[in-house]
Amino acid sequence: MDRSATISRNTLETQITVALSLDGEGKSDCNTGLPFFEHMLDQIARHGLVDLEIQAVGDLEVDAHHTVEDVGITLGQAFTKAIGNKNGITRFGHAYVPLDEALSRVVIDLSGRPGLTYSIDFARPRISDFDVDLFHEFFQGFVNHAFVTLHIDCLKGNNAHHQIETVFKAFGRALRAAVSIDPQRSDLPSTKGSL
């Protein structure tokens, strides 16, 4: 079963291509023009054991909003294509990840229904020149197009870099658990018979 996809999204604001393999080795090659964002995307690949290639050109002269949001949207679209019919998947995944003083919990359900609950009280509004508000836009874009329910909670932390890095690592690990194949089932993990 090939659980991979490549999606391109082109608008007047961004041109983005995402290649995703859910059964990868944790390799990433992300070029967005936003180094800190790329560092976070690498966490998804490494800790989710997915292979991820992202090429994004956006209107960074305006700001990073369109690029970050549209990467989330395109990644969600690639995920939807790659996961296929969802037969035999575990469906649910969760992870707690610490980094020094910071601790985050991410829980995901490949439910077929988009929903995001996001709670991060960042220690500061920017990391280098990156606006931390944009991380919400990334996850909202992903959720809306991957059709998943996602709960993100940073439980503690006083360093914004540590806080968001724990979130991305936990997201990768939770995603890895949810997409894994359950050896005891070949059908959909749903009483509705639909996800």
Foldseek 3Di string as FASTA:
>chain_A
DWLWFWDWDDDPFKTKIKTKGQQAQLAEAEDAVDVLVSVLVSLLSNLLVMYMYMDMDGDCVVNCQVSLLVVLQRLLQRNQRRLPQVFQFQQKFKDWFADVFKIKIKIKGLPLAFAEAEEDDALDQDDPNHGPVSVVSSNNSNRVRNRMHMYIYTPDDNHRSRSSSRRSNGVSNGNNRGSDGDPVTGAHPDPVSHD
